[in-house]
Amino acid sequence: MRKLFVISLCIALSLLWTASLAAQAGISGQGLNVSPRQLIVAGMRDQRETRVLLIRADAPVANLRIVPLDLSGPKGDKFLPADAIGVELPATTIPAGGLLSVPVTFNLAGARSGQFSGELLITYDEQSLSVPVNVAVKDPPWFALAVLVVGVGLGIGVSTYRAQGRPRDEVLVRLGQIRTQMKADADLQEAGVPFYNRIDAYLVDVEVALEAQQWEKAQQAVLEAENLWVRWRRGRPDWLVQIEYYDTLNARLKDLGDVFYVNEIKEAARSAHRAMPTLDEPGLFRASLEPLARYINDFIALRERLTALAATKTGRATAKTLQQRLCTLSPLNSAGFQSLQAEVETAIGKAQIAQIREKANQLASLGANLPDTQALEWQSKIAALQTRAADLSPNDADAYLTVEGEVDAALEQVKALTLSASGDEVVPRGAGEAAFGTPKGLPQMESWLSGPPTIYVQSLPEKVAGARHRLSWFTWLTYAVAVVFLALAGFVELYGGRLDFGVNGITDYFTLLVWGFGAEATRASIAEMVQGWRISAGK
């Protein structure tokens, strides 16, 4: 019994092994074997693909026929017609042990993309068997590659515009707005020249920064220009009033001549005018002009005192010397100005005293010509006035003004008495009124050279043409490499990895477009993040 079981098991295993070999070798029918057991075709539309069936006959075969059948899609909504499958059967009979190679051609012209399955029906001697057929059709690669390149290009365009174009356009819009407002403001162009020039300098910085693709620097420069423009507009009435006063001050300085003292004030006024845009409010500009006005008034007052001194006989030479010192004095030297002012007042006092003494001597000469009855009366008065005139001090202005008044009154009285006594006016030798007037012969001082003007805007370094060309080539080469590599990666993944690309129509192409766009956006984001890490590559 055990021996019978073992024999049965061996026979069963042998049958299974034989069936397995037959299955591996091909499809078998009664007296007919077909290899391969399944036809698999993958191709593109408008192509022709050929596969070969090998038929082996274990026994003589007659009336051999191969009939293609329609292939259908997975959902049954698409078909590859049987006419697209061509079978070139070289013979209809196969002798025992004979082999027959049968080419099977799949004409995919006009076929829709997708996967199709069906079978080839083989009939012979009133028997039949079937060979499974699977066909995958996809669209040609050129349009898919073009769509992918367009997607990558769109991604690069968006990334480039976001990184460069958008900041540039935002700055250009603001730049255009400021320039338009500047052209429309006549007061800014005529009176507010320092503001106009400073805003224009900021706008030049903006243009240079845009050319160098320094977006942050351009945004900062246009922000400075906007702040300055707002500062002008906010305080325009007060700025105009202060600028009008500045013009008045300049006109007064022009009338004062070309001397060092005046030139120093002129330069200080010009510096304050040029620095006006840096001030936060018009009141600060007024505060910078106020001391200049005081310097001008002090100069005019002291010059008038020197003119009075030069009108005297004894003070002309002293006035010339003191005026030279005034013209070479710096307005900022307040101690020197006060010292000179004191010397001028002292010199005026001395000249005035000399004039009083001369009048007193004239009075004495006139008194000697009076009749005896009147001479005795005036001798004591004249002697007292001479004594008081001799005791006068240059620093006691009140005293010598009082004495001068008394001497002038006595002169008038004595002259009247002398005229009534003799009938003629007696004028002693050397006597006469000291005339006050504009001095003659005072030389104009030469103009001293003041310090150079302050430089506010520094020149920008010139760009080297060769470096600009290299940067341009590097930028375009980088974009080209990015397009090639990203497009190839997406093409291999989305097109090459699918046998039925195009089966979903525009959806497959839209996937390529989105992949290219997203890949470039991701690359740009990663590159920006890595740049933010400031990783050093070393030397």
Protein backbone atom coordinates (compact mmCIF):
# COMPACT_ATOMS: atom_id res chain seq x y z
CA MET A 1 0.00 0.00 0.00
CA ARG A 2 2.84 2.37 0.89
CA LYS A 3 4.63 1.53 -2.33
CA LEU A 4 1.52 2.40 -4.37
CA PHE A 5 1.28 5.82 -2.65
CA VAL A 6 4.88 6.64 -3.43
CA ILE A 7 4.45 5.73 -7.10
CA SER A 8 1.30 7.87 -7.37
CA LEU A 9 3.08 10.84 -5.78
CA CYS A 10 5.99 10.58 -8.22
CA ILE A 11 3.65 10.47 -11.19
CA ALA A 12 1.78 13.57 -9.94
CA LEU A 13 4.99 15.50 -9.42
CA SER A 14 6.17 14.54 -12.90
CA LEU A 15 2.97 15.82 -14.44
CA LEU A 16 3.22 19.10 -12.56
CA TRP A 17 6.85 19.55 -13.62
CA THR A 18 5.96 18.88 -17.24
CA ALA A 19 3.09 21.38 -17.14
CA SER A 20 5.37 23.95 -15.61
CA LEU A 21 7.92 23.48 -18.38
CA ALA A 22 5.24 23.77 -21.00
CA ALA A 23 3.92 26.92 -19.41
CA GLN A 24 7.43 28.45 -19.36
CA ALA A 25 8.17 27.48 -22.95
CA GLY A 26 4.94 28.81 -24.45
CA ILE A 27 1.31 28.19 -24.91
CA SER A 28 0.50 24.62 -25.83
CA GLY A 29 -2.36 23.13 -27.63
CA GLN A 30 -2.89 19.60 -28.86
CA GLY A 31 0.17 19.09 -31.01
CA LEU A 32 1.04 22.86 -31.14
CA ASN A 33 3.26 25.07 -28.93
CA VAL A 34 3.45 28.90 -29.20
CA SER A 35 6.21 31.07 -27.77
CA PRO A 36 6.20 33.58 -26.21
CA ARG A 37 3.10 32.91 -24.26
CA GLN A 38 2.13 36.66 -24.29
CA LEU A 39 2.81 39.55 -26.67
CA ILE A 40 3.73 42.81 -24.95
CA VAL A 41 4.14 45.94 -27.06
CA ALA A 42 5.07 49.45 -25.89
CA GLY A 43 5.39 52.22 -28.42
CA MET A 44 4.47 55.74 -29.41
CA ARG A 45 1.64 56.86 -31.61
CA ASP A 46 2.33 56.85 -35.34
CA GLN A 47 4.96 54.13 -34.95
CA ARG A 48 5.00 50.47 -36.07
CA GLU A 49 6.11 47.75 -33.69
CA THR A 50 6.81 44.12 -34.74
CA ARG A 51 6.92 41.03 -32.58
CA VAL A 52 7.63 37.39 -33.65
CA LEU A 53 5.63 34.33 -32.64
CA LEU A 54 7.43 30.99 -32.77
CA ILE A 55 5.08 28.06 -33.44
CA ARG A 56 6.33 24.50 -32.96
CA ALA A 57 4.27 21.49 -34.08
CA ASP A 58 4.54 18.18 -32.21
CA ALA A 59 2.39 16.60 -34.88
CA PRO A 60 1.56 17.61 -38.43
CA VAL A 61 -0.60 20.78 -38.48
CA ALA A 62 -2.80 21.89 -41.36
CA ASN A 63 -5.18 24.81 -42.01
CA LEU A 64 -3.19 27.08 -39.67
CA ARG A 65 -4.73 30.55 -39.22
CA ILE A 66 -3.98 33.51 -36.88
CA VAL A 67 -6.86 35.91 -36.38
CA PRO A 68 -6.24 39.31 -34.64
CA LEU A 69 -9.02 40.53 -32.39
CA ASP A 70 -9.88 44.05 -31.22
CA LEU A 71 -7.94 45.21 -28.16
CA SER A 72 -9.82 47.17 -25.52
CA GLY A 73 -8.79 49.57 -22.78
CA PRO A 74 -9.13 48.93 -19.05
CA LYS A 75 -12.53 50.65 -18.90
CA GLY A 76 -13.72 49.40 -22.24
CA ASP A 77 -14.07 52.92 -23.63
CA LYS A 78 -11.03 52.74 -25.91
CA PHE A 79 -10.19 50.21 -28.60
CA LEU A 80 -7.28 49.33 -30.82
CA PRO A 81 -8.96 47.80 -33.89
CA ALA A 82 -7.92 44.44 -35.24
CA ASP A 83 -7.01 46.13 -38.52
CA ALA A 84 -4.05 47.73 -36.70
CA ILE A 85 -2.57 44.25 -36.11
CA GLY A 86 -0.99 42.67 -39.12
CA VAL A 87 -0.01 38.94 -39.20
CA GLU A 88 2.25 37.66 -41.97
CA LEU A 89 1.67 33.89 -41.90
CA PRO A 90 4.37 32.29 -44.09
CA ALA A 91 2.62 28.89 -44.28
CA THR A 92 -0.59 27.22 -43.26
CA THR A 93 0.91 23.77 -42.64
CA ILE A 94 3.67 22.66 -40.27
CA PRO A 95 5.17 19.17 -40.40
CA ALA A 96 5.71 17.21 -37.22
CA GLY A 97 8.58 18.74 -35.26
CA GLY A 98 8.60 21.78 -37.56
CA LEU A 99 9.03 25.45 -36.51
CA LEU A 100 7.28 28.47 -37.96
CA SER A 101 8.20 32.13 -37.27
CA VAL A 102 5.25 34.48 -37.64
CA PRO A 103 5.90 38.28 -37.61
CA VAL A 104 3.10 40.25 -35.95
CA THR A 105 3.10 43.99 -36.76
CA PHE A 106 1.23 46.58 -34.68
CA ASN A 107 0.45 49.75 -36.62
CA LEU A 108 -0.06 52.50 -34.02
CA ALA A 109 -0.78 55.23 -36.52
CA GLY A 110 -3.82 57.12 -35.34
CA ALA A 111 -4.07 55.06 -32.16
CA ARG A 112 -5.05 56.77 -28.95
CA SER A 113 -2.64 56.77 -26.02
CA GLY A 114 -3.38 54.21 -23.37
CA GLN A 115 -3.10 50.53 -22.52
CA PHE A 116 -5.00 47.91 -24.52
CA SER A 117 -5.38 44.19 -23.94
CA GLY A 118 -6.82 41.35 -25.96
CA GLU A 119 -5.66 38.17 -27.73
CA LEU A 120 -4.61 36.58 -30.97
CA LEU A 121 -6.75 33.58 -31.98
CA ILE A 122 -4.83 30.66 -33.53
CA THR A 123 -6.88 27.96 -35.28
CA TYR A 124 -5.69 24.71 -36.89
CA ASP A 125 -7.33 21.38 -37.73
CA GLU A 126 -10.58 22.48 -36.10
CA GLN A 127 -8.73 23.34 -32.90
CA SER A 128 -7.79 26.73 -31.44
CA LEU A 129 -5.74 28.49 -28.82
CA SER A 130 -5.20 32.15 -27.92
CA VAL A 131 -2.17 34.33 -27.22
CA PRO A 132 -2.74 37.25 -24.80
CA VAL A 133 -1.73 40.65 -26.21
CA ASN A 134 -0.98 43.82 -24.19
CA VAL A 135 -0.24 47.06 -26.06
CA ALA A 136 0.81 50.37 -24.40
CA VAL A 137 0.68 53.51 -26.55
CA LYS A 138 1.94 56.94 -25.48
CA ASP A 139 2.30 60.33 -27.09
CA PRO A 140 5.55 61.34 -28.86
CA PRO A 141 8.14 62.95 -26.58
CA TRP A 142 8.65 66.29 -28.31
CA PHE A 143 5.51 68.05 -27.24
CA ALA A 144 5.80 66.64 -23.71
CA LEU A 145 9.39 67.84 -23.50
CA ALA A 146 8.36 71.26 -24.78
CA VAL A 147 5.60 71.52 -22.17
CA LEU A 148 8.05 70.55 -19.43
CA VAL A 149 10.58 73.12 -20.63
CA VAL A 150 7.81 75.73 -20.64
CA GLY A 151 6.93 74.79 -17.07
CA VAL A 152 10.54 75.11 -15.95
CA GLY A 153 10.83 78.37 -17.88
CA LEU A 154 7.72 79.72 -16.19
CA GLY A 155 9.12 78.72 -12.83
CA ILE A 156 12.43 80.44 -13.57
CA GLY A 157 10.58 83.50 -14.82
CA VAL A 158 8.46 83.73 -11.69
CA SER A 159 11.45 83.12 -9.42
CA THR A 160 13.53 85.68 -11.28
CA TYR A 161 10.76 88.26 -11.23
CA ARG A 162 10.11 87.66 -7.55
CA ALA A 163 13.80 88.01 -6.72
CA GLN A 164 14.72 90.77 -9.17
CA GLY A 165 11.88 92.05 -11.31
CA ARG A 166 9.38 92.80 -8.58
CA PRO A 167 11.78 94.78 -6.34
CA ARG A 168 13.02 96.62 -9.43
CA ASP A 169 9.51 97.45 -10.66
CA GLU A 170 8.38 98.59 -7.21
CA VAL A 171 11.37 100.92 -6.97
CA LEU A 172 10.83 102.17 -10.55
CA VAL A 173 7.18 103.00 -9.80
CA ARG A 174 8.15 104.99 -6.72
CA LEU A 175 11.00 106.62 -8.67
CA GLY A 176 8.61 107.72 -11.40
CA GLN A 177 6.14 109.14 -8.88
CA ILE A 178 8.82 111.25 -7.19
CA ARG A 179 10.17 112.59 -10.49
CA THR A 180 6.65 113.51 -11.64
CA GLN A 181 5.95 115.36 -8.39
CA MET A 182 9.29 117.18 -8.58
CA LYS A 183 8.58 118.41 -12.12
CA ALA A 184 5.15 119.65 -11.08
CA ASP A 185 6.50 121.67 -8.11
CA ALA A 186 7.72 125.04 -9.44
CA ASP A 187 8.68 126.28 -5.94
CA LEU A 188 10.97 123.29 -5.50
CA GLN A 189 12.75 123.95 -8.78
CA GLU A 190 13.13 127.71 -8.25
CA ALA A 191 13.45 128.36 -4.53
CA GLY A 192 14.07 124.91 -3.02
CA VAL A 193 17.12 124.13 -5.16
CA PRO A 194 19.00 122.37 -2.31
CA PHE A 195 16.03 120.05 -1.77
CA TYR A 196 15.72 119.44 -5.50
CA ASN A 197 19.42 118.66 -5.88
CA ARG A 198 19.51 116.37 -2.84
CA ILE A 199 16.40 114.46 -3.97
CA ASP A 200 17.88 114.16 -7.45
CA ALA A 201 21.11 112.82 -5.94
CA TYR A 202 19.15 110.13 -4.09
CA LEU A 203 17.37 109.24 -7.33
CA VAL A 204 20.75 108.89 -9.06
CA ASP A 205 21.76 106.49 -6.30
CA VAL A 206 18.55 104.57 -6.98
CA GLU A 207 19.33 104.26 -10.69
CA VAL A 208 22.91 103.14 -10.02
CA ALA A 209 21.75 100.58 -7.45
CA LEU A 210 19.14 99.23 -9.90
CA GLU A 211 21.80 98.89 -12.58
CA ALA A 212 23.97 96.96 -10.14
CA GLN A 213 20.95 94.87 -9.04
CA GLN A 214 21.36 96.01 -5.44
CA TRP A 215 17.68 95.97 -4.59
CA GLU A 216 17.98 96.75 -0.87
CA LYS A 217 20.26 99.71 -1.56
CA ALA A 218 17.85 100.98 -4.22
CA GLN A 219 14.89 100.68 -1.86
CA GLN A 220 16.79 102.53 0.87
CA ALA A 221 17.76 105.34 -1.52
CA VAL A 222 14.21 105.78 -2.82
CA LEU A 223 12.96 105.79 0.78
CA GLU A 224 15.40 108.60 1.60
CA ALA A 225 14.18 110.54 -1.44
CA GLU A 226 10.54 110.06 -0.39
CA ASN A 227 11.26 111.20 3.18
CA LEU A 228 13.03 114.31 1.90
CA TRP A 229 10.18 115.06 -0.48
CA VAL A 230 7.64 114.72 2.33
CA ARG A 231 9.76 116.99 4.56
CA TRP A 232 9.71 119.66 1.85
CA ARG A 233 5.97 119.39 1.23
CA ARG A 234 5.09 119.39 4.94
CA GLY A 235 6.98 122.60 5.71
CA ARG A 236 6.87 124.28 2.28
CA PRO A 237 5.39 127.67 3.43
CA ASP A 238 7.95 128.04 6.22
CA TRP A 239 10.79 126.84 3.99
CA LEU A 240 9.88 129.46 1.39
CA VAL A 241 9.82 132.24 4.00
CA GLN A 242 13.26 131.26 5.31
CA ILE A 243 14.65 130.97 1.77
CA GLU A 244 13.32 134.47 0.99
CA TYR A 245 15.12 135.75 4.07
CA TYR A 246 18.26 133.95 2.90
CA ASP A 247 18.05 135.81 -0.42
CA THR A 248 17.72 139.11 1.45
CA LEU A 249 20.74 138.25 3.58
CA ASN A 250 22.75 137.43 0.45
CA ALA A 251 21.79 140.72 -1.16
CA ARG A 252 22.96 142.60 1.92
CA LEU A 253 26.24 140.67 1.91
CA LYS A 254 26.77 141.57 -1.73
CA ASP A 255 26.44 145.26 -0.87
CA LEU A 256 29.05 144.97 1.88
CA GLY A 257 31.87 144.28 -0.57
CA ASP A 258 34.44 141.59 -1.15
CA VAL A 259 36.40 141.36 2.10
CA PHE A 260 37.41 138.43 4.25
CA TYR A 261 34.93 139.14 7.05
CA VAL A 262 32.03 139.32 4.59
CA ASN A 263 33.25 136.34 2.55
CA GLU A 264 33.31 134.19 5.65
CA ILE A 265 29.68 135.06 6.31
CA LYS A 266 28.85 134.34 2.67
CA GLU A 267 30.43 130.90 2.86
CA ALA A 268 28.66 130.14 6.13
CA ALA A 269 25.36 131.20 4.55
CA ARG A 270 25.98 129.00 1.49
CA SER A 271 26.86 126.03 3.71
CA ALA A 272 23.68 126.53 5.74
CA HIS A 273 21.66 126.78 2.54
CA ARG A 274 23.17 123.58 1.12
CA ALA A 275 22.67 121.74 4.42
CA MET A 276 19.02 122.82 4.58
CA PRO A 277 17.69 119.40 3.31
CA THR A 278 19.37 117.66 6.26
CA LEU A 279 17.36 119.70 8.77
CA ASP A 280 14.18 118.33 10.24
CA GLU A 281 12.23 121.60 10.20
CA PRO A 282 12.48 125.18 8.86
CA GLY A 283 13.08 126.51 12.37
CA LEU A 284 16.53 124.93 12.40
CA PHE A 285 17.43 126.71 9.17
CA ARG A 286 16.30 129.98 10.72
CA ALA A 287 18.47 129.25 13.75
CA SER A 288 21.49 128.81 11.47
CA LEU A 289 20.82 132.15 9.71
CA GLU A 290 20.19 134.15 12.87
CA PRO A 291 23.84 134.45 14.01
CA LEU A 292 24.86 135.39 10.46
CA ALA A 293 22.43 138.30 10.55
CA ARG A 294 23.93 139.37 13.85
CA TYR A 295 27.43 139.26 12.38
CA ILE A 296 26.27 141.43 9.48
CA ASN A 297 24.65 144.00 11.78
CA ASP A 298 27.75 144.16 13.98
CA PHE A 299 29.91 144.67 10.90
CA ILE A 300 27.68 147.45 9.56
CA ALA A 301 27.54 149.21 12.94
CA LEU A 302 31.30 149.08 13.42
CA ARG A 303 31.92 150.20 9.84
CA GLU A 304 29.69 153.22 10.40
CA ARG A 305 31.64 154.09 13.53
CA LEU A 306 34.86 153.86 11.52
CA THR A 307 33.31 156.17 8.93
CA ALA A 308 32.62 158.70 11.68
CA LEU A 309 36.20 158.34 12.92
CA ALA A 310 37.61 158.83 9.43
CA ALA A 311 35.64 162.06 9.09
CA THR A 312 37.75 163.68 11.81
CA LYS A 313 41.09 165.32 11.13
CA THR A 314 42.97 163.41 13.76
CA GLY A 315 41.23 160.05 13.30
CA ARG A 316 41.64 159.45 9.58
CA ALA A 317 44.86 157.44 9.79
CA THR A 318 43.62 155.48 12.80
CA ALA A 319 40.36 154.71 11.00
CA LYS A 320 42.27 153.32 8.02
CA THR A 321 44.26 150.96 10.22
CA LEU A 322 41.25 149.82 12.21
CA GLN A 323 39.20 149.26 9.06
CA GLN A 324 41.93 147.00 7.70
CA ARG A 325 41.78 144.98 10.88
CA LEU A 326 37.97 144.77 10.64
CA CYS A 327 38.06 143.51 7.06
CA THR A 328 40.59 140.77 7.90
CA LEU A 329 38.77 139.68 11.04
CA SER A 330 36.81 136.43 11.21
CA PRO A 331 33.17 136.69 12.30
CA LEU A 332 33.68 133.76 14.60
CA ASN A 333 36.38 135.62 16.53
CA SER A 334 34.01 137.33 18.93
CA ALA A 335 36.77 138.27 21.36
CA GLY A 336 38.78 139.94 18.59
CA PHE A 337 35.68 141.78 17.36
CA GLN A 338 34.87 143.10 20.84
CA SER A 339 38.48 144.22 21.29
CA LEU A 340 38.42 146.02 17.95
CA GLN A 341 35.08 147.60 18.83
CA ALA A 342 36.55 148.93 22.06
CA GLU A 343 39.55 150.36 20.19
CA VAL A 344 37.27 152.07 17.69
CA GLU A 345 35.23 153.67 20.47
CA THR A 346 38.43 154.82 22.19
CA ALA A 347 39.78 156.28 18.94
CA ILE A 348 36.47 158.06 18.32
CA GLY A 349 36.62 159.44 21.85
CA LYS A 350 40.15 160.75 21.30
CA ALA A 351 39.22 162.33 17.99
CA GLN A 352 36.17 163.92 19.58
CA ILE A 353 38.23 165.31 22.47
CA ALA A 354 40.78 166.71 20.03
CA GLN A 355 37.97 168.40 18.18
CA ILE A 356 36.58 169.84 21.43
CA ARG A 357 39.98 171.20 22.40
CA GLU A 358 40.36 172.76 18.97
CA LYS A 359 36.99 174.44 19.41
CA ALA A 360 38.07 175.63 22.87
CA ASN A 361 41.21 177.19 21.37
CA GLN A 362 39.08 178.80 18.68
CA LEU A 363 36.87 180.16 21.44
CA ALA A 364 39.93 181.62 23.20
CA SER A 365 41.09 183.30 19.99
CA LEU A 366 37.70 184.84 19.45
CA GLY A 367 37.54 185.95 23.08
CA ALA A 368 40.79 187.93 22.66
CA ASN A 369 39.11 190.11 20.04
CA LEU A 370 36.22 191.13 22.29
CA PRO A 371 35.98 194.63 23.69
CA ASP A 372 37.54 195.14 27.11
CA THR A 373 34.21 195.34 28.87
CA GLN A 374 33.16 191.96 27.49
CA ALA A 375 36.60 190.32 27.47
CA LEU A 376 36.82 190.38 31.28
CA GLU A 377 33.46 188.59 31.49
CA TRP A 378 34.42 185.80 29.05
CA GLN A 379 38.03 185.19 30.05
CA SER A 380 37.11 183.21 33.14
CA LYS A 381 34.46 181.21 31.27
CA ILE A 382 36.81 180.42 28.40
CA ALA A 383 39.59 179.39 30.77
CA ALA A 384 37.22 177.07 32.63
CA LEU A 385 36.08 175.40 29.38
CA GLN A 386 39.71 174.94 28.27
CA THR A 387 40.53 173.33 31.59
CA ARG A 388 37.58 170.96 31.36
CA ALA A 389 38.46 170.07 27.75
CA ALA A 390 42.04 169.33 28.78
CA ASP A 391 40.82 166.99 31.53
CA LEU A 392 38.48 164.93 29.29
CA SER A 393 38.95 161.11 29.02
CA PRO A 394 38.23 159.12 25.77
CA ASN A 395 36.23 156.57 27.70
CA ASP A 396 33.89 159.15 29.28
CA ALA A 397 31.57 159.84 26.36
CA ASP A 398 28.94 161.61 28.46
CA ALA A 399 31.47 164.09 29.80
CA TYR A 400 32.98 165.13 26.50
CA LEU A 401 29.56 165.37 24.85
CA THR A 402 28.50 167.75 27.63
CA VAL A 403 31.67 169.86 27.31
CA GLU A 404 31.33 169.93 23.53
CA GLY A 405 27.81 171.26 23.84
CA GLU A 406 28.92 174.02 26.19
CA VAL A 407 31.86 174.97 23.94
CA ASP A 408 29.62 175.11 20.88
CA ALA A 409 27.16 177.37 22.74
CA ALA A 410 29.95 179.68 23.90
CA LEU A 411 31.33 179.87 20.36
CA GLU A 412 28.01 181.01 19.03
CA GLN A 413 27.71 183.70 21.67
CA VAL A 414 31.28 184.96 21.24
CA LYS A 415 30.94 185.02 17.47
CA ALA A 416 27.80 187.10 17.79
CA LEU A 417 29.51 189.59 20.13
CA THR A 418 32.54 189.87 17.91
CA LEU A 419 30.39 190.42 14.82
CA SER A 420 28.34 193.13 16.49
CA ALA A 421 31.48 194.91 17.73
CA SER A 422 33.44 195.01 14.49
CA GLY A 423 30.84 194.42 11.87
CA ASP A 424 32.92 191.60 10.32
CA GLU A 425 33.26 188.00 11.28
CA VAL A 426 36.68 187.29 12.70
CA VAL A 427 37.99 183.86 12.06
CA PRO A 428 41.31 183.10 13.69
CA ARG A 429 44.06 181.47 11.71
CA GLY A 430 43.72 177.72 11.71
CA ALA A 431 40.29 177.85 13.19
CA GLY A 432 37.28 176.17 11.54
CA GLU A 433 34.64 173.53 11.97
CA ALA A 434 35.77 169.96 11.73
CA ALA A 435 33.70 168.40 8.93
CA PHE A 436 32.32 164.92 9.25
CA GLY A 437 31.77 163.05 5.99
CA THR A 438 32.68 159.99 4.00
CA PRO A 439 36.40 159.30 4.30
CA LYS A 440 38.48 159.28 1.19
CA GLY A 441 41.53 157.20 0.50
CA LEU A 442 40.52 154.11 2.51
CA PRO A 443 41.74 151.17 0.38
CA GLN A 444 39.50 148.17 -0.45
CA MET A 445 40.92 145.04 1.19
CA GLU A 446 41.81 142.11 -1.05
CA SER A 447 39.48 139.09 -0.90
CA TRP A 448 40.93 136.32 1.22
CA LEU A 449 40.43 132.76 0.03
CA SER A 450 37.93 130.85 2.21
CA GLY A 451 37.92 127.11 2.81
CA PRO A 452 36.64 124.75 0.07
CA PRO A 453 32.93 123.87 -0.01
CA THR A 454 31.76 120.78 1.81
CA ILE A 455 31.26 117.68 -0.34
CA TYR A 456 27.97 115.89 0.31
CA VAL A 457 27.75 113.46 -2.63
CA GLN A 458 30.64 111.11 -3.32
CA SER A 459 31.25 109.69 -6.77
CA LEU A 460 30.41 106.03 -7.35
CA PRO A 461 33.09 103.66 -8.67
CA GLU A 462 32.86 102.81 -12.34
CA LYS A 463 31.90 99.34 -13.40
CA VAL A 464 34.36 97.24 -15.32
CA ALA A 465 32.90 96.16 -18.67
CA GLY A 466 34.59 92.76 -18.66
CA ALA A 467 33.20 91.85 -15.25
CA ARG A 468 29.72 92.87 -16.37
CA HIS A 469 29.93 90.60 -19.42
CA ARG A 470 31.18 87.68 -17.34
CA LEU A 471 28.35 88.11 -14.86
CA SER A 472 25.84 88.24 -17.70
CA TRP A 473 27.19 85.07 -19.29
CA PHE A 474 27.26 83.29 -15.94
CA THR A 475 23.64 84.24 -15.24
CA TRP A 476 22.36 82.99 -18.58
CA LEU A 477 24.46 79.83 -18.37
CA THR A 478 23.05 79.11 -14.92
CA TYR A 479 19.51 79.44 -16.22
CA ALA A 480 20.28 77.21 -19.20
CA VAL A 481 21.75 74.47 -17.00
CA ALA A 482 18.80 74.70 -14.62
CA VAL A 483 16.33 74.33 -17.49
CA VAL A 484 18.19 71.36 -19.00
CA PHE A 485 18.62 69.40 -15.79
CA LEU A 486 15.19 70.09 -14.38
CA ALA A 487 13.52 69.33 -17.72
CA LEU A 488 15.45 66.08 -18.12
CA ALA A 489 14.63 65.00 -14.57
CA GLY A 490 10.93 65.65 -15.05
CA PHE A 491 10.95 64.06 -18.51
CA VAL A 492 12.52 60.85 -17.23
CA GLU A 493 10.23 60.66 -14.23
CA LEU A 494 6.88 61.63 -15.74
CA TYR A 495 7.25 60.65 -19.38
CA GLY A 496 9.86 57.95 -19.56
CA GLY A 497 8.46 56.08 -16.56
CA ARG A 498 4.99 55.72 -18.10
CA LEU A 499 4.14 53.50 -20.99
CA ASP A 500 0.80 55.17 -21.66
CA PHE A 501 1.70 58.86 -21.33
CA GLY A 502 -1.04 60.93 -22.86
CA VAL A 503 -3.86 58.57 -21.93
CA ASN A 504 -5.30 61.30 -19.69
CA GLY A 505 -4.99 63.90 -22.40
CA ILE A 506 -4.26 67.44 -21.26
CA THR A 507 -4.04 66.31 -17.65
CA ASP A 508 -0.72 64.53 -18.29
CA TYR A 509 0.70 67.62 -20.00
CA PHE A 510 -0.55 69.89 -17.26
CA THR A 511 1.21 67.61 -14.75
CA LEU A 512 4.45 68.16 -16.66
CA LEU A 513 3.88 71.91 -16.67
CA VAL A 514 3.17 72.01 -12.95
CA TRP A 515 6.16 69.76 -12.22
CA GLY A 516 8.52 72.06 -14.09
CA PHE A 517 7.09 75.15 -12.44
CA GLY A 518 7.20 73.62 -8.95
CA ALA A 519 10.71 72.20 -9.42
CA GLU A 520 12.15 75.61 -10.31
CA ALA A 521 10.25 77.32 -7.49
CA THR A 522 11.58 74.72 -5.06
CA ARG A 523 15.12 75.14 -6.38
CA ALA A 524 14.92 78.92 -6.02
CA SER A 525 13.57 78.63 -2.46
CA ILE A 526 16.30 76.19 -1.43
CA ALA A 527 18.97 78.37 -3.04
CA GLU A 528 17.63 81.43 -1.21
CA MET A 529 17.57 79.53 2.07
CA VAL A 530 21.14 78.29 1.61
CA GLN A 531 22.30 81.80 0.79
CA GLY A 532 20.66 82.94 3.99
CA TRP A 533 22.81 80.48 5.94
CA ARG A 534 25.91 82.30 4.64
CA ILE A 535 27.82 79.04 4.27
CA SER A 536 31.46 79.62 3.41
CA ALA A 537 32.97 77.38 0.77
CA GLY A 538 36.47 77.91 2.12
CA LYS A 539 39.61 78.71 0.17
